[in-house]
Amino acid sequence: MDNNFENEEFEEATVSMTLDDGTELECDVVAIFPVGDQDYIALLPNKPVEGYDENEVFLYRFKELDGENIDLSQIESEEEYEAVADAFDELLDEEEFNELAGETE
């Protein structure tokens, strides 16, 4: 899988990737977050991907290699995936809470 950052700012960062079937895909970076000693990335495709629900987020292991290059790798086990998905859900819940708290101030 080929990957690279296209923008320096996280909020507007995208990742270009080639799926195993050769499909070129552009994804927005939703979040980069740790689970234990490993960093993970949540990506949202910019176009529908056959076999996946619209707005389904892709989760990968993440490692920054240098200024513009990154390494993404598949999550190996169901247990690891569940831990990462749970951490991502908590991150979303926290973000939603922070947005709501900001509206009341």
PDB file of N, CA and C in Angstrom:
ATOM      1  N   MET A   1       0.852  -1.169   0.000  1.00  0.00           N
ATOM      2  CA  MET A   1       0.000   0.000   0.000  1.00  0.00           C
ATOM      3  C   MET A   1       0.900   1.234   0.000  1.00  0.00           C
ATOM      4  N   ASP A   2       0.683   2.137  -0.943  1.00  0.00           N
ATOM      5  CA  ASP A   2       1.459   3.370  -1.012  1.00  0.00           C
ATOM      6  C   ASP A   2       0.728   4.461  -0.246  1.00  0.00           C
ATOM      7  N   ASN A   3       1.476   5.233   0.549  1.00  0.00           N
ATOM      8  CA  ASN A   3       0.866   6.276   1.373  1.00  0.00           C
ATOM      9  C   ASN A   3       1.765   7.495   1.406  1.00  0.00           C
ATOM     10  N   ASN A   4       1.149   8.682   1.469  1.00  0.00           N
ATOM     11  CA  ASN A   4       1.929   9.889   1.735  1.00  0.00           C
ATOM     12  C   ASN A   4       1.013  11.020   2.154  1.00  0.00           C
ATOM     13  N   PHE A   5       1.538  11.893   3.041  1.00  0.00           N
ATOM     14  CA  PHE A   5       0.784  13.067   3.442  1.00  0.00           C
ATOM     15  C   PHE A   5       0.830  14.079   2.318  1.00  0.00           C
ATOM     16  N   GLU A   6      -0.276  14.796   2.116  1.00  0.00           N
ATOM     17  CA  GLU A   6      -0.291  15.820   1.089  1.00  0.00           C
ATOM     18  C   GLU A   6      -0.308  17.214   1.678  1.00  0.00           C
ATOM     19  N   ASN A   7      -0.701  17.379   2.925  1.00  0.00           N
ATOM     20  CA  ASN A   7      -0.746  18.693   3.563  1.00  0.00           C
ATOM     21  C   ASN A   7      -0.058  18.631   4.913  1.00  0.00           C
ATOM     22  N   GLU A   8       0.562  19.732   5.306  1.00  0.00           N
ATOM     23  CA  GLU A   8       1.259  19.778   6.582  1.00  0.00           C
ATOM     24  C   GLU A   8       0.297  19.862   7.764  1.00  0.00           C
ATOM     25  N   GLU A   9      -0.802  20.607   7.612  1.00  0.00           N
ATOM     26  CA  GLU A   9      -1.726  20.778   8.721  1.00  0.00           C
ATOM     27  C   GLU A   9      -2.563  19.525   8.895  1.00  0.00           C
ATOM     28  N   PHE A  10      -2.659  19.062  10.137  1.00  0.00           N
ATOM     29  CA  PHE A  10      -3.405  17.843  10.432  1.00  0.00           C
ATOM     30  C   PHE A  10      -4.862  17.939  10.014  1.00  0.00           C
ATOM     31  N   GLU A  11      -5.503  19.074  10.300  1.00  0.00           N
ATOM     32  CA  GLU A  11      -6.936  19.186  10.033  1.00  0.00           C
ATOM     33  C   GLU A  11      -7.265  19.109   8.554  1.00  0.00           C
ATOM     34  N   GLU A  12      -6.300  19.390   7.692  1.00  0.00           N
ATOM     35  CA  GLU A  12      -6.553  19.315   6.264  1.00  0.00           C
ATOM     36  C   GLU A  12      -5.705  18.236   5.610  1.00  0.00           C
ATOM     37  N   ALA A  13      -5.121  17.355   6.407  1.00  0.00           N
ATOM     38  CA  ALA A  13      -4.236  16.326   5.880  1.00  0.00           C
ATOM     39  C   ALA A  13      -5.039  15.264   5.133  1.00  0.00           C
ATOM     40  N   THR A  14      -4.446  14.792   4.073  1.00  0.00           N
ATOM     41  CA  THR A  14      -5.025  13.685   3.322  1.00  0.00           C
ATOM     42  C   THR A  14      -3.948  12.633   3.103  1.00  0.00           C
ATOM     43  N   VAL A  15      -4.393  11.430   2.864  1.00  0.00           N
ATOM     44  CA  VAL A  15      -3.509  10.324   2.563  1.00  0.00           C
ATOM     45  C   VAL A  15      -3.961   9.727   1.247  1.00  0.00           C
ATOM     46  N   SER A  16      -3.023   9.580   0.316  1.00  0.00           N
ATOM     47  CA  SER A  16      -3.291   8.888  -0.940  1.00  0.00           C
ATOM     48  C   SER A  16      -2.842   7.456  -0.767  1.00  0.00           C
ATOM     49  N   MET A  17      -3.685   6.523  -1.163  1.00  0.00           N
ATOM     50  CA  MET A  17      -3.318   5.127  -0.987  1.00  0.00           C
ATOM     51  C   MET A  17      -3.814   4.290  -2.153  1.00  0.00           C
ATOM     52  N   THR A  18      -3.163   3.170  -2.358  1.00  0.00           N
ATOM     53  CA  THR A  18      -3.568   2.209  -3.364  1.00  0.00           C
ATOM     54  C   THR A  18      -4.007   0.959  -2.624  1.00  0.00           C
ATOM     55  N   LEU A  19      -5.265   0.585  -2.803  1.00  0.00           N
ATOM     56  CA  LEU A  19      -5.795  -0.609  -2.153  1.00  0.00           C
ATOM     57  C   LEU A  19      -5.237  -1.863  -2.825  1.00  0.00           C
ATOM     58  N   ASP A  20      -5.414  -3.002  -2.178  1.00  0.00           N
ATOM     59  CA  ASP A  20      -4.893  -4.265  -2.694  1.00  0.00           C
ATOM     60  C   ASP A  20      -5.408  -4.589  -4.094  1.00  0.00           C
ATOM     61  N   ASP A  21      -6.615  -4.109  -4.425  1.00  0.00           N
ATOM     62  CA  ASP A  21      -7.180  -4.390  -5.749  1.00  0.00           C
ATOM     63  C   ASP A  21      -6.733  -3.367  -6.804  1.00  0.00           C
ATOM     64  N   GLY A  22      -5.823  -2.436  -6.422  1.00  0.00           N
ATOM     65  CA  GLY A  22      -5.311  -1.443  -7.361  1.00  0.00           C
ATOM     66  C   GLY A  22      -6.087  -0.134  -7.381  1.00  0.00           C
ATOM     67  N   THR A  23      -7.171  -0.046  -6.623  1.00  0.00           N
ATOM     68  CA  THR A  23      -7.976   1.165  -6.558  1.00  0.00           C
ATOM     69  C   THR A  23      -7.186   2.285  -5.892  1.00  0.00           C
ATOM     70  N   GLU A  24      -7.113   3.437  -6.573  1.00  0.00           N
ATOM     71  CA  GLU A  24      -6.488   4.627  -5.992  1.00  0.00           C
ATOM     72  C   GLU A  24      -7.532   5.313  -5.119  1.00  0.00           C
ATOM     73  N   LEU A  25      -7.139   5.706  -3.924  1.00  0.00           N
ATOM     74  CA  LEU A  25      -8.089   6.270  -2.983  1.00  0.00           C
ATOM     75  C   LEU A  25      -7.456   7.431  -2.242  1.00  0.00           C
ATOM     76  N   GLU A  26      -8.199   8.506  -2.127  1.00  0.00           N
ATOM     77  CA  GLU A  26      -7.801   9.686  -1.360  1.00  0.00           C
ATOM     78  C   GLU A  26      -8.654   9.684  -0.089  1.00  0.00           C
ATOM     79  N   CYS A  27      -7.997   9.829   1.071  1.00  0.00           N
ATOM     80  CA  CYS A  27      -8.708   9.803   2.349  1.00  0.00           C
ATOM     81  C   CYS A  27      -8.345  11.026   3.182  1.00  0.00           C
ATOM     82  N   ASP A  28      -9.334  11.565   3.885  1.00  0.00           N
ATOM     83  CA  ASP A  28      -9.083  12.619   4.865  1.00  0.00           C
ATOM     84  C   ASP A  28      -8.623  11.970   6.162  1.00  0.00           C
ATOM     85  N   VAL A  29      -7.653  12.592   6.818  1.00  0.00           N
ATOM     86  CA  VAL A  29      -7.213  12.115   8.120  1.00  0.00           C
ATOM     87  C   VAL A  29      -8.210  12.622   9.161  1.00  0.00           C
ATOM     88  N   VAL A  30      -8.867  11.697   9.834  1.00  0.00           N
ATOM     89  CA  VAL A  30      -9.837  12.041  10.873  1.00  0.00           C
ATOM     90  C   VAL A  30      -9.119  12.220  12.208  1.00  0.00           C
ATOM     91  N   ALA A  31      -8.208  11.302  12.509  1.00  0.00           N
ATOM     92  CA  ALA A  31      -7.491  11.368  13.788  1.00  0.00           C
ATOM     93  C   ALA A  31      -6.263  10.470  13.733  1.00  0.00           C
ATOM     94  N   ILE A  32      -5.264  10.854  14.503  1.00  0.00           N
ATOM     95  CA  ILE A  32      -4.113  10.005  14.795  1.00  0.00           C
ATOM     96  C   ILE A  32      -4.080   9.901  16.310  1.00  0.00           C
ATOM     97  N   PHE A  33      -4.061   8.674  16.829  1.00  0.00           N
ATOM     98  CA  PHE A  33      -4.210   8.487  18.268  1.00  0.00           C
ATOM     99  C   PHE A  33      -3.455   7.236  18.712  1.00  0.00           C
ATOM    100  N   PRO A  34      -2.998   7.248  19.975  1.00  0.00           N
ATOM    101  CA  PRO A  34      -2.274   6.084  20.484  1.00  0.00           C
ATOM    102  C   PRO A  34      -3.216   5.080  21.153  1.00  0.00           C
ATOM    103  N   VAL A  35      -2.835   3.835  21.079  1.00  0.00           N
ATOM    104  CA  VAL A  35      -3.430   2.764  21.889  1.00  0.00           C
ATOM    105  C   VAL A  35      -2.232   1.958  22.380  1.00  0.00           C
ATOM    106  N   GLY A  36      -1.968   2.039  23.669  1.00  0.00           N
ATOM    107  CA  GLY A  36      -0.759   1.428  24.205  1.00  0.00           C
ATOM    108  C   GLY A  36       0.451   2.139  23.635  1.00  0.00           C
ATOM    109  N   ASP A  37       1.409   1.368  23.149  1.00  0.00           N
ATOM    110  CA  ASP A  37       2.646   1.930  22.595  1.00  0.00           C
ATOM    111  C   ASP A  37       2.589   2.147  21.090  1.00  0.00           C
ATOM    112  N   GLN A  38       1.456   1.872  20.469  1.00  0.00           N
ATOM    113  CA  GLN A  38       1.313   1.961  19.013  1.00  0.00           C
ATOM    114  C   GLN A  38       0.399   3.126  18.646  1.00  0.00           C
ATOM    115  N   ASP A  39       0.754   3.881  17.593  1.00  0.00           N
ATOM    116  CA  ASP A  39      -0.120   4.925  17.064  1.00  0.00           C
ATOM    117  C   ASP A  39      -0.986   4.344  15.959  1.00  0.00           C
ATOM    118  N   TYR A  40      -2.190   4.889  15.843  1.00  0.00           N
ATOM    119  CA  TYR A  40      -3.149   4.462  14.829  1.00  0.00           C
ATOM    120  C   TYR A  40      -3.696   5.697  14.125  1.00  0.00           C
ATOM    121  N   ILE A  41      -4.236   5.481  12.934  1.00  0.00           N
ATOM    122  CA  ILE A  41      -4.801   6.567  12.156  1.00  0.00           C
ATOM    123  C   ILE A  41      -6.199   6.151  11.694  1.00  0.00           C
ATOM    124  N   ALA A  42      -7.117   7.106  11.725  1.00  0.00           N
ATOM    125  CA  ALA A  42      -8.480   6.902  11.209  1.00  0.00           C
ATOM    126  C   ALA A  42      -8.605   7.718   9.934  1.00  0.00           C
ATOM    127  N   LEU A  43      -8.995   7.056   8.854  1.00  0.00           N
ATOM    128  CA  LEU A  43      -9.095   7.689   7.541  1.00  0.00           C
ATOM    129  C   LEU A  43     -10.510   7.580   7.011  1.00  0.00           C
ATOM    130  N   LEU A  44     -10.975   8.673   6.396  1.00  0.00           N
ATOM    131  CA  LEU A  44     -12.301   8.707   5.788  1.00  0.00           C
ATOM    132  C   LEU A  44     -12.139   8.891   4.288  1.00  0.00           C
ATOM    133  N   PRO A  45     -12.511   7.875   3.483  1.00  0.00           N
ATOM    134  CA  PRO A  45     -12.370   7.994   2.025  1.00  0.00           C
ATOM    135  C   PRO A  45     -13.182   9.163   1.471  1.00  0.00           C
ATOM    136  N   ASN A  46     -12.628   9.821   0.435  1.00  0.00           N
ATOM    137  CA  ASN A  46     -13.305  10.953  -0.209  1.00  0.00           C
ATOM    138  C   ASN A  46     -14.340  10.519  -1.234  1.00  0.00           C
ATOM    139  N   LYS A  47     -14.422   9.220  -1.521  1.00  0.00           N
ATOM    140  CA  LYS A  47     -15.422   8.699  -2.448  1.00  0.00           C
ATOM    141  C   LYS A  47     -15.868   7.330  -1.942  1.00  0.00           C
ATOM    142  N   PRO A  48     -17.057   6.893  -2.341  1.00  0.00           N
ATOM    143  CA  PRO A  48     -17.528   5.575  -1.891  1.00  0.00           C
ATOM    144  C   PRO A  48     -16.567   4.466  -2.335  1.00  0.00           C
ATOM    145  N   VAL A  49     -16.415   3.477  -1.469  1.00  0.00           N
ATOM    146  CA  VAL A  49     -15.569   2.329  -1.762  1.00  0.00           C
ATOM    147  C   VAL A  49     -16.463   1.099  -1.787  1.00  0.00           C
ATOM    148  N   GLU A  50     -16.396   0.355  -2.888  1.00  0.00           N
ATOM    149  CA  GLU A  50     -17.240  -0.826  -3.032  1.00  0.00           C
ATOM    150  C   GLU A  50     -16.993  -1.798  -1.885  1.00  0.00           C
ATOM    151  N   GLY A  51     -18.084  -2.269  -1.290  1.00  0.00           N
ATOM    152  CA  GLY A  51     -17.987  -3.216  -0.191  1.00  0.00           C
ATOM    153  C   GLY A  51     -17.954  -2.577   1.184  1.00  0.00           C
ATOM    154  N   TYR A  52     -17.957  -1.245   1.242  1.00  0.00           N
ATOM    155  CA  TYR A  52     -17.924  -0.533   2.525  1.00  0.00           C
ATOM    156  C   TYR A  52     -19.086   0.446   2.596  1.00  0.00           C
ATOM    157  N   ASP A  53     -19.565   0.684   3.830  1.00  0.00           N
ATOM    158  CA  ASP A  53     -20.626   1.659   4.031  1.00  0.00           C
ATOM    159  C   ASP A  53     -20.088   3.062   3.794  1.00  0.00           C
ATOM    160  N   GLU A  54     -20.974   3.952   3.312  1.00  0.00           N
ATOM    161  CA  GLU A  54     -20.592   5.350   3.168  1.00  0.00           C
ATOM    162  C   GLU A  54     -20.251   5.902   4.550  1.00  0.00           C
ATOM    163  N   ASN A  55     -19.247   6.722   4.628  1.00  0.00           N
ATOM    164  CA  ASN A  55     -18.756   7.318   5.879  1.00  0.00           C
ATOM    165  C   ASN A  55     -18.109   6.304   6.815  1.00  0.00           C
ATOM    166  N   GLU A  56     -17.783   5.100   6.315  1.00  0.00           N
ATOM    167  CA  GLU A  56     -17.058   4.135   7.133  1.00  0.00           C
ATOM    168  C   GLU A  56     -15.602   4.567   7.214  1.00  0.00           C
ATOM    169  N   VAL A  57     -15.067   4.569   8.408  1.00  0.00           N
ATOM    170  CA  VAL A  57     -13.703   5.005   8.658  1.00  0.00           C
ATOM    171  C   VAL A  57     -12.780   3.791   8.597  1.00  0.00           C
ATOM    172  N   PHE A  58     -11.615   3.964   7.957  1.00  0.00           N
ATOM    173  CA  PHE A  58     -10.607   2.922   7.894  1.00  0.00           C
ATOM    174  C   PHE A  58      -9.607   3.152   9.020  1.00  0.00           C
ATOM    175  N   LEU A  59      -9.263   2.116   9.754  1.00  0.00           N
ATOM    176  CA  LEU A  59      -8.300   2.196  10.849  1.00  0.00           C
ATOM    177  C   LEU A  59      -7.048   1.402  10.486  1.00  0.00           C
ATOM    178  N   TYR A  60      -5.874   2.027  10.674  1.00  0.00           N
ATOM    179  CA  TYR A  60      -4.590   1.393  10.367  1.00  0.00           C
ATOM    180  C   TYR A  60      -3.587   1.695  11.463  1.00  0.00           C
ATOM    181  N   ARG A  61      -2.574   0.847  11.565  1.00  0.00           N
ATOM    182  CA  ARG A  61      -1.400   1.193  12.354  1.00  0.00           C
ATOM    183  C   ARG A  61      -0.702   2.333  11.617  1.00  0.00           C
ATOM    184  N   PHE A  62      -0.117   3.251  12.376  1.00  0.00           N
ATOM    185  CA  PHE A  62       0.480   4.462  11.804  1.00  0.00           C
ATOM    186  C   PHE A  62       1.881   4.650  12.345  1.00  0.00           C
ATOM    187  N   LYS A  63       2.802   4.984  11.437  1.00  0.00           N
ATOM    188  CA  LYS A  63       4.151   5.342  11.853  1.00  0.00           C
ATOM    189  C   LYS A  63       4.646   6.435  10.924  1.00  0.00           C
ATOM    190  N   GLU A  64       5.097   7.559  11.504  1.00  0.00           N
ATOM    191  CA  GLU A  64       5.664   8.647  10.707  1.00  0.00           C
ATOM    192  C   GLU A  64       7.131   8.334  10.447  1.00  0.00           C
ATOM    193  N   LEU A  65       7.509   8.303   9.170  1.00  0.00           N
ATOM    194  CA  LEU A  65       8.874   7.945   8.793  1.00  0.00           C
ATOM    195  C   LEU A  65       9.776   9.161   8.724  1.00  0.00           C
ATOM    196  N   ASP A  66       9.302  10.225   8.083  1.00  0.00           N
ATOM    197  CA  ASP A  66      10.014  11.501   8.028  1.00  0.00           C
ATOM    198  C   ASP A  66       8.978  12.575   7.738  1.00  0.00           C
ATOM    199  N   GLY A  67       9.396  13.748   7.353  1.00  0.00           N
ATOM    200  CA  GLY A  67       8.485  14.880   7.202  1.00  0.00           C
ATOM    201  C   GLY A  67       7.225  14.632   6.395  1.00  0.00           C
ATOM    202  N   GLU A  68       7.304  13.876   5.294  1.00  0.00           N
ATOM    203  CA  GLU A  68       6.132  13.701   4.443  1.00  0.00           C
ATOM    204  C   GLU A  68       5.735  12.246   4.253  1.00  0.00           C
ATOM    205  N   ASN A  69       6.560  11.315   4.666  1.00  0.00           N
ATOM    206  CA  ASN A  69       6.274   9.904   4.436  1.00  0.00           C
ATOM    207  C   ASN A  69       5.788   9.222   5.697  1.00  0.00           C
ATOM    208  N   ILE A  70       4.820   8.351   5.500  1.00  0.00           N
ATOM    209  CA  ILE A  70       4.278   7.587   6.611  1.00  0.00           C
ATOM    210  C   ILE A  70       4.204   6.124   6.206  1.00  0.00           C
ATOM    211  N   ASP A  71       4.067   5.277   7.196  1.00  0.00           N
ATOM    212  CA  ASP A  71       3.872   3.859   6.961  1.00  0.00           C
ATOM    213  C   ASP A  71       2.551   3.467   7.596  1.00  0.00           C
ATOM    214  N   LEU A  72       1.668   2.910   6.799  1.00  0.00           N
ATOM    215  CA  LEU A  72       0.416   2.369   7.302  1.00  0.00           C
ATOM    216  C   LEU A  72       0.479   0.861   7.175  1.00  0.00           C
ATOM    217  N   SER A  73       0.018   0.166   8.199  1.00  0.00           N
ATOM    218  CA  SER A  73      -0.032  -1.286   8.111  1.00  0.00           C
ATOM    219  C   SER A  73      -1.357  -1.778   8.684  1.00  0.00           C
ATOM    220  N   GLN A  74      -1.749  -2.928   8.211  1.00  0.00           N
ATOM    221  CA  GLN A  74      -3.013  -3.533   8.625  1.00  0.00           C
ATOM    222  C   GLN A  74      -2.973  -3.878  10.109  1.00  0.00           C
ATOM    223  N   ILE A  75      -4.122  -3.789  10.738  1.00  0.00           N
ATOM    224  CA  ILE A  75      -4.281  -4.258  12.109  1.00  0.00           C
ATOM    225  C   ILE A  75      -4.418  -5.772  12.020  1.00  0.00           C
ATOM    226  N   GLU A  76      -3.562  -6.483  12.744  1.00  0.00           N
ATOM    227  CA  GLU A  76      -3.393  -7.918  12.565  1.00  0.00           C
ATOM    228  C   GLU A  76      -4.500  -8.796  13.165  1.00  0.00           C
ATOM    229  N   SER A  77      -4.984  -8.457  14.342  1.00  0.00           N
ATOM    230  CA  SER A  77      -5.923  -9.357  15.023  1.00  0.00           C
ATOM    231  C   SER A  77      -7.246  -8.660  15.325  1.00  0.00           C
ATOM    232  N   GLU A  78      -8.250  -9.476  15.542  1.00  0.00           N
ATOM    233  CA  GLU A  78      -9.569  -8.951  15.909  1.00  0.00           C
ATOM    234  C   GLU A  78      -9.514  -8.226  17.253  1.00  0.00           C
ATOM    235  N   GLU A  79      -8.719  -8.754  18.195  1.00  0.00           N
ATOM    236  CA  GLU A  79      -8.599  -8.134  19.519  1.00  0.00           C
ATOM    237  C   GLU A  79      -7.977  -6.741  19.402  1.00  0.00           C
ATOM    238  N   GLU A  80      -6.921  -6.638  18.593  1.00  0.00           N
ATOM    239  CA  GLU A  80      -6.279  -5.340  18.387  1.00  0.00           C
ATOM    240  C   GLU A  80      -7.256  -4.373  17.720  1.00  0.00           C
ATOM    241  N   TYR A  81      -7.978  -4.845  16.697  1.00  0.00           N
ATOM    242  CA  TYR A  81      -8.938  -3.983  16.002  1.00  0.00           C
ATOM    243  C   TYR A  81     -10.010  -3.482  16.966  1.00  0.00           C
ATOM    244  N   GLU A  82     -10.531  -4.369  17.810  1.00  0.00           N
ATOM    245  CA  GLU A  82     -11.569  -3.964  18.768  1.00  0.00           C
ATOM    246  C   GLU A  82     -11.042  -2.900  19.730  1.00  0.00           C
ATOM    247  N   ALA A  83      -9.808  -3.054  20.206  1.00  0.00           N
ATOM    248  CA  ALA A  83      -9.216  -2.063  21.116  1.00  0.00           C
ATOM    249  C   ALA A  83      -9.064  -0.715  20.418  1.00  0.00           C
ATOM    250  N   VAL A  84      -8.632  -0.733  19.150  1.00  0.00           N
ATOM    251  CA  VAL A  84      -8.448   0.502  18.389  1.00  0.00           C
ATOM    252  C   VAL A  84      -9.799   1.151  18.093  1.00  0.00           C
ATOM    253  N   ALA A  85     -10.785   0.345  17.691  1.00  0.00           N
ATOM    254  CA  ALA A  85     -12.121   0.881  17.407  1.00  0.00           C
ATOM    255  C   ALA A  85     -12.738   1.492  18.659  1.00  0.00           C
ATOM    256  N   ASP A  86     -12.561   0.832  19.812  1.00  0.00           N
ATOM    257  CA  ASP A  86     -13.074   1.382  21.067  1.00  0.00           C
ATOM    258  C   ASP A  86     -12.403   2.704  21.409  1.00  0.00           C
ATOM    259  N   ALA A  87     -11.085   2.775  21.226  1.00  0.00           N
ATOM    260  CA  ALA A  87     -10.357   4.017  21.503  1.00  0.00           C
ATOM    261  C   ALA A  87     -10.815   5.129  20.565  1.00  0.00           C
ATOM    262  N   PHE A  88     -11.059   4.792  19.297  1.00  0.00           N
ATOM    263  CA  PHE A  88     -11.530   5.791  18.337  1.00  0.00           C
ATOM    264  C   PHE A  88     -12.929   6.277  18.724  1.00  0.00           C
ATOM    265  N   ASP A  89     -13.808   5.364  19.127  1.00  0.00           N
ATOM    266  CA  ASP A  89     -15.150   5.755  19.575  1.00  0.00           C
ATOM    267  C   ASP A  89     -15.081   6.686  20.775  1.00  0.00           C
ATOM    268  N   GLU A  90     -14.190   6.394  21.726  1.00  0.00           N
ATOM    269  CA  GLU A  90     -14.015   7.265  22.889  1.00  0.00           C
ATOM    270  C   GLU A  90     -13.517   8.647  22.461  1.00  0.00           C
ATOM    271  N   LEU A  91     -12.617   8.671  21.501  1.00  0.00           N
ATOM    272  CA  LEU A  91     -12.102   9.934  20.979  1.00  0.00           C
ATOM    273  C   LEU A  91     -13.232  10.760  20.356  1.00  0.00           C
ATOM    274  N   LEU A  92     -14.098  10.105  19.593  1.00  0.00           N
ATOM    275  CA  LEU A  92     -15.239  10.797  18.989  1.00  0.00           C
ATOM    276  C   LEU A  92     -16.199  11.308  20.051  1.00  0.00           C
ATOM    277  N   ASP A  93     -16.463  10.484  21.063  1.00  0.00           N
ATOM    278  CA  ASP A  93     -17.349  10.905  22.151  1.00  0.00           C
ATOM    279  C   ASP A  93     -16.781  12.116  22.883  1.00  0.00           C
ATOM    280  N   GLU A  94     -15.466  12.101  23.131  1.00  0.00           N
ATOM    281  CA  GLU A  94     -14.805  13.221  23.814  1.00  0.00           C
ATOM    282  C   GLU A  94     -14.875  14.489  22.964  1.00  0.00           C
ATOM    283  N   GLU A  95     -14.658  14.352  21.666  1.00  0.00           N
ATOM    284  CA  GLU A  95     -14.719  15.503  20.754  1.00  0.00           C
ATOM    285  C   GLU A  95     -16.129  16.089  20.736  1.00  0.00           C
ATOM    286  N   GLU A  96     -17.127  15.216  20.673  1.00  0.00           N
ATOM    287  CA  GLU A  96     -18.515  15.681  20.677  1.00  0.00           C
ATOM    288  C   GLU A  96     -18.834  16.397  21.986  1.00  0.00           C
ATOM    289  N   PHE A  97     -18.363  15.842  23.105  1.00  0.00           N
ATOM    290  CA  PHE A  97     -18.572  16.475  24.409  1.00  0.00           C
ATOM    291  C   PHE A  97     -17.913  17.844  24.438  1.00  0.00           C
ATOM    292  N   ASN A  98     -16.684  17.933  23.956  1.00  0.00           N
ATOM    293  CA  ASN A  98     -15.966  19.219  23.942  1.00  0.00           C
ATOM    294  C   ASN A  98     -16.678  20.246  23.081  1.00  0.00           C
ATOM    295  N   GLU A  99     -17.233  19.823  21.963  1.00  0.00           N
ATOM    296  CA  GLU A  99     -18.001  20.756  21.113  1.00  0.00           C
ATOM    297  C   GLU A  99     -19.248  21.248  21.831  1.00  0.00           C
ATOM    298  N   LEU A 100     -19.950  20.342  22.501  1.00  0.00           N
ATOM    299  CA  LEU A 100     -21.150  20.735  23.238  1.00  0.00           C
ATOM    300  C   LEU A 100     -20.798  21.648  24.394  1.00  0.00           C
ATOM    301  N   ALA A 101     -19.718  21.351  25.129  1.00  0.00           N
ATOM    302  CA  ALA A 101     -19.295  22.180  26.256  1.00  0.00           C
ATOM    303  C   ALA A 101     -18.895  23.571  25.755  1.00  0.00           C
ATOM    304  N   GLY A 102     -18.276  23.650  24.599  1.00  0.00           N
ATOM    305  CA  GLY A 102     -17.884  24.938  24.035  1.00  0.00           C
ATOM    306  C   GLY A 102     -19.078  25.794  23.662  1.00  0.00           C
ATOM    307  N   GLU A 103     -20.187  25.150  23.274  1.00  0.00           N
ATOM    308  CA  GLU A 103     -21.390  25.903  22.906  1.00  0.00           C
ATOM    309  C   GLU A 103     -22.077  26.516  24.110  1.00  0.00           C
ATOM    310  N   THR A 104     -21.912  25.914  25.293  1.00  0.00           N
ATOM    311  CA  THR A 104     -22.596  26.409  26.493  1.00  0.00           C
ATOM    312  C   THR A 104     -21.816  27.498  27.210  1.00  0.00           C
ATOM    313  N   GLU A 105     -20.554  27.674  26.842  1.00  0.00           N
ATOM    314  CA  GLU A 105     -19.731  28.696  27.537  1.00  0.00           C
ATOM    315  C   GLU A 105     -19.995  30.066  26.977  1.00  0.00           C
TER     316      GLU A 105
END
